[in-house]
Each structure stands twice: as C-alpha cells, then as structure tokens.
PDB file of N, CA and C in Angstrom:
ATOM      1  N   UNK A   1      87.342 147.199 105.513  1.00  0.00           N
ATOM      2  CA  UNK A   1      87.639 145.929 104.876  1.00  0.00           C
ATOM      3  C   UNK A   1      86.587 145.663 103.796  1.00  0.00           C
ATOM      4  N   UNK A   2      87.047 145.272 102.639  1.00  0.00           N
ATOM      5  CA  UNK A   2      86.131 144.991 101.538  1.00  0.00           C
ATOM      6  C   UNK A   2      85.569 143.579 101.671  1.00  0.00           C
ATOM      7  N   UNK A   3      84.471 143.356 100.992  1.00  0.00           N
ATOM      8  CA  UNK A   3      83.836 142.032 101.015  1.00  0.00           C
ATOM      9  C   UNK A   3      84.794 140.984 100.474  1.00  0.00           C
ATOM     10  N   UNK A   4      85.554 141.324  99.431  1.00  0.00           N
ATOM     11  CA  UNK A   4      86.493 140.351  98.865  1.00  0.00           C
ATOM     12  C   UNK A   4      87.596 140.012  99.858  1.00  0.00           C
ATOM     13  N   UNK A   5      88.038 141.000 100.636  1.00  0.00           N
ATOM     14  CA  UNK A   5      89.052 140.747 101.660  1.00  0.00           C
ATOM     15  C   UNK A   5      88.519 139.780 102.713  1.00  0.00           C
ATOM     16  N   UNK A   6      87.287 139.974 103.104  1.00  0.00           N
ATOM     17  CA  UNK A   6      86.662 139.095 104.091  1.00  0.00           C
ATOM     18  C   UNK A   6      86.550 137.681 103.535  1.00  0.00           C
ATOM     19  N   UNK A   7      86.158 137.567 102.283  1.00  0.00           N
ATOM     20  CA  UNK A   7      86.020 136.253 101.652  1.00  0.00           C
ATOM     21  C   UNK A   7      87.369 135.545 101.566  1.00  0.00           C
ATOM     22  N   UNK A   8      88.411 136.277 101.220  1.00  0.00           N
ATOM     23  CA  UNK A   8      89.751 135.687 101.137  1.00  0.00           C
ATOM     24  C   UNK A   8      90.215 135.245 102.522  1.00  0.00           C
ATOM     25  N   UNK A   9      90.005 136.073 103.523  1.00  0.00           N
ATOM     26  CA  UNK A   9      90.398 135.722 104.887  1.00  0.00           C
ATOM     27  C   UNK A   9      89.628 134.505 105.380  1.00  0.00           C
ATOM     28  N   UNK A  10      88.353 134.426 105.053  1.00  0.00           N
ATOM     29  CA  UNK A  10      87.531 133.291 105.457  1.00  0.00           C
ATOM     30  C   UNK A  10      88.017 132.009 104.785  1.00  0.00           C
ATOM     31  N   UNK A  11      88.341 132.101 103.507  1.00  0.00           N
ATOM     32  CA  UNK A  11      88.857 130.943 102.761  1.00  0.00           C
ATOM     33  C   UNK A  11      90.181 130.482 103.367  1.00  0.00           C
ATOM     34  N   UNK A  12      91.051 131.431 103.705  1.00  0.00           N
ATOM     35  CA  UNK A  12      92.340 131.110 104.318  1.00  0.00           C
ATOM     36  C   UNK A  12      92.138 130.403 105.655  1.00  0.00           C
ATOM     37  N   UNK A  13      91.227 130.911 106.479  1.00  0.00           N
ATOM     38  CA  UNK A  13      90.940 130.282 107.770  1.00  0.00           C
ATOM     39  C   UNK A  13      90.420 128.862 107.587  1.00  0.00           C
ATOM     40  N   UNK A  14      89.549 128.664 106.610  1.00  0.00           N
ATOM     41  CA  UNK A  14      89.033 127.324 106.331  1.00  0.00           C
ATOM     42  C   UNK A  14      90.158 126.372 105.935  1.00  0.00           C
ATOM     43  N   UNK A  15      91.099 126.861 105.112  1.00  0.00           N
ATOM     44  CA  UNK A  15      92.218 126.026 104.679  1.00  0.00           C
ATOM     45  C   UNK A  15      93.111 125.652 105.857  1.00  0.00           C
ATOM     46  N   UNK A  16      93.368 126.602 106.747  1.00  0.00           N
ATOM     47  CA  UNK A  16      94.204 126.331 107.919  1.00  0.00           C
ATOM     48  C   UNK A  16      93.542 125.284 108.809  1.00  0.00           C
ATOM     49  N   UNK A  17      92.258 125.439 109.071  1.00  0.00           N
ATOM     50  CA  UNK A  17      91.534 124.478 109.910  1.00  0.00           C
ATOM     51  C   UNK A  17      91.550 123.098 109.272  1.00  0.00           C
ATOM     52  N   UNK A  18      91.348 123.029 107.961  1.00  0.00           N
ATOM     53  CA  UNK A  18      91.375 121.745 107.256  1.00  0.00           C
ATOM     54  C   UNK A  18      92.748 121.088 107.389  1.00  0.00           C
ATOM     55  N   UNK A  19      93.817 121.871 107.194  1.00  0.00           N
ATOM     56  CA  UNK A  19      95.170 121.307 107.280  1.00  0.00           C
ATOM     57  C   UNK A  19      95.474 120.819 108.689  1.00  0.00           C
ATOM     58  N   UNK A  20      95.092 121.587 109.696  1.00  0.00           N
ATOM     59  CA  UNK A  20      95.333 121.171 111.077  1.00  0.00           C
ATOM     60  C   UNK A  20      94.571 119.895 111.409  1.00  0.00           C
ATOM     61  N   UNK A  21      93.323 119.831 111.006  1.00  0.00           N
ATOM     62  CA  UNK A  21      92.516 118.636 111.265  1.00  0.00           C
ATOM     63  C   UNK A  21      93.118 117.429 110.560  1.00  0.00           C
ATOM     64  N   UNK A  22      93.557 117.616 109.341  1.00  0.00           N
ATOM     65  CA  UNK A  22      94.148 116.520 108.575  1.00  0.00           C
ATOM     66  C   UNK A  22      95.450 116.052 109.217  1.00  0.00           C
ATOM     67  N   UNK A  23      96.295 116.997 109.643  1.00  0.00           N
ATOM     68  CA  UNK A  23      97.583 116.646 110.229  1.00  0.00           C
ATOM     69  C   UNK A  23      97.441 115.999 111.598  1.00  0.00           C
ATOM     70  N   UNK A  24      96.404 116.319 112.337  1.00  0.00           N
ATOM     71  CA  UNK A  24      96.214 115.752 113.670  1.00  0.00           C
ATOM     72  C   UNK A  24      95.474 114.422 113.648  1.00  0.00           C
ATOM     73  N   UNK A  25      94.798 114.116 112.569  1.00  0.00           N
ATOM     74  CA  UNK A  25      93.986 112.900 112.496  1.00  0.00           C
ATOM     75  C   UNK A  25      94.840 111.649 112.664  1.00  0.00           C
ATOM     76  N   UNK A  26      95.963 111.547 111.965  1.00  0.00           N
ATOM     77  CA  UNK A  26      96.783 110.338 112.007  1.00  0.00           C
ATOM     78  C   UNK A  26      97.383 110.083 113.393  1.00  0.00           C
ATOM     79  N   UNK A  27      98.000 111.066 114.041  1.00  0.00           N
ATOM     80  CA  UNK A  27      98.532 110.783 115.383  1.00  0.00           C
ATOM     81  C   UNK A  27      97.449 110.336 116.365  1.00  0.00           C
ATOM     82  N   UNK A  28      96.272 110.944 116.304  1.00  0.00           N
ATOM     83  CA  UNK A  28      95.199 110.535 117.205  1.00  0.00           C
ATOM     84  C   UNK A  28      94.713 109.134 116.883  1.00  0.00           C
ATOM     85  N   UNK A  29      94.655 108.794 115.608  1.00  0.00           N
ATOM     86  CA  UNK A  29      94.244 107.445 115.215  1.00  0.00           C
ATOM     87  C   UNK A  29      95.249 106.422 115.730  1.00  0.00           C
ATOM     88  N   UNK A  30      96.529 106.747 115.667  1.00  0.00           N
ATOM     89  CA  UNK A  30      97.566 105.844 116.171  1.00  0.00           C
ATOM     90  C   UNK A  30      97.447 105.660 117.681  1.00  0.00           C
ATOM     91  N   UNK A  31      97.194 106.739 118.392  1.00  0.00           N
ATOM     92  CA  UNK A  31      97.035 106.644 119.846  1.00  0.00           C
ATOM     93  C   UNK A  31      95.815 105.815 120.223  1.00  0.00           C
ATOM     94  N   UNK A  32      94.738 105.995 119.509  1.00  0.00           N
ATOM     95  CA  UNK A  32      93.519 105.231 119.789  1.00  0.00           C
ATOM     96  C   UNK A  32      93.758 103.752 119.511  1.00  0.00           C
ATOM     97  N   UNK A  33      94.460 103.450 118.422  1.00  0.00           N
ATOM     98  CA  UNK A  33      94.759 102.056 118.094  1.00  0.00           C
ATOM     99  C   UNK A  33      95.663 101.436 119.155  1.00  0.00           C
ATOM    100  N   UNK A  34      96.662 102.171 119.606  1.00  0.00           N
ATOM    101  CA  UNK A  34      97.554 101.678 120.654  1.00  0.00           C
ATOM    102  C   UNK A  34      96.786 101.437 121.949  1.00  0.00           C
ATOM    103  N   UNK A  35      95.933 102.361 122.334  1.00  0.00           N
ATOM    104  CA  UNK A  35      95.133 102.199 123.549  1.00  0.00           C
ATOM    105  C   UNK A  35      94.213 100.994 123.430  1.00  0.00           C
ATOM    106  N   UNK A  36      93.654 100.773 122.258  1.00  0.00           N
ATOM    107  CA  UNK A  36      92.790  99.617 122.031  1.00  0.00           C
ATOM    108  C   UNK A  36      93.577  98.322 122.187  1.00  0.00           C
ATOM    109  N   UNK A  37      94.795  98.287 121.651  1.00  0.00           N
ATOM    110  CA  UNK A  37      95.634  97.090 121.780  1.00  0.00           C
ATOM    111  C   UNK A  37      95.980  96.825 123.240  1.00  0.00           C
ATOM    112  N   UNK A  38      96.282  97.872 123.989  1.00  0.00           N
ATOM    113  CA  UNK A  38      96.615  97.720 125.409  1.00  0.00           C
ATOM    114  C   UNK A  38      95.407  97.207 126.183  1.00  0.00           C
ATOM    115  N   UNK A  39      94.240  97.745 125.890  1.00  0.00           N
ATOM    116  CA  UNK A  39      93.024  97.316 126.589  1.00  0.00           C
ATOM    117  C   UNK A  39      92.706  95.848 126.289  1.00  0.00           C
ATOM    118  N   UNK A  40      92.918  95.414 125.057  1.00  0.00           N
ATOM    119  CA  UNK A  40      92.615  94.038 124.678  1.00  0.00           C
ATOM    120  C   UNK A  40      93.632  93.050 125.234  1.00  0.00           C
ATOM    121  N   UNK A  41      94.866  93.498 125.456  1.00  0.00           N
ATOM    122  CA  UNK A  41      95.919  92.584 125.903  1.00  0.00           C
ATOM    123  C   UNK A  41      95.893  92.340 127.406  1.00  0.00           C
ATOM    124  N   UNK A  42      95.221  93.171 128.131  1.00  0.00           N
ATOM    125  CA  UNK A  42      95.299  92.901 129.545  1.00  0.00           C
ATOM    126  C   UNK A  42      94.326  93.636 130.328  1.00  0.00           C
TER     127      UNK A  42
END
C-alpha cells in the first residue's frame, strides 16, 4: 500500500465518522430533550 493510498483511506474514514456523528447528534438531542421534559413534569 502506498502512502497516498493510506492517506486517502484515512481521509475517507474521517469523513464517515464525521457523517455518522452528525447524523446521530439530532436524534440523541431529541431524546435528551424528551427525557428532560418527562423528568420536569413529574
């Protein structure tokens, strides 16, 4: 494997991790907000 191949693969992995983190952030934020509302209501 060439150094450039490793760099491209590393960049691709970073992009995948960024996209997954970004896509999961909103659902978790919604769940946390819902749990907070439930805790405050009763």
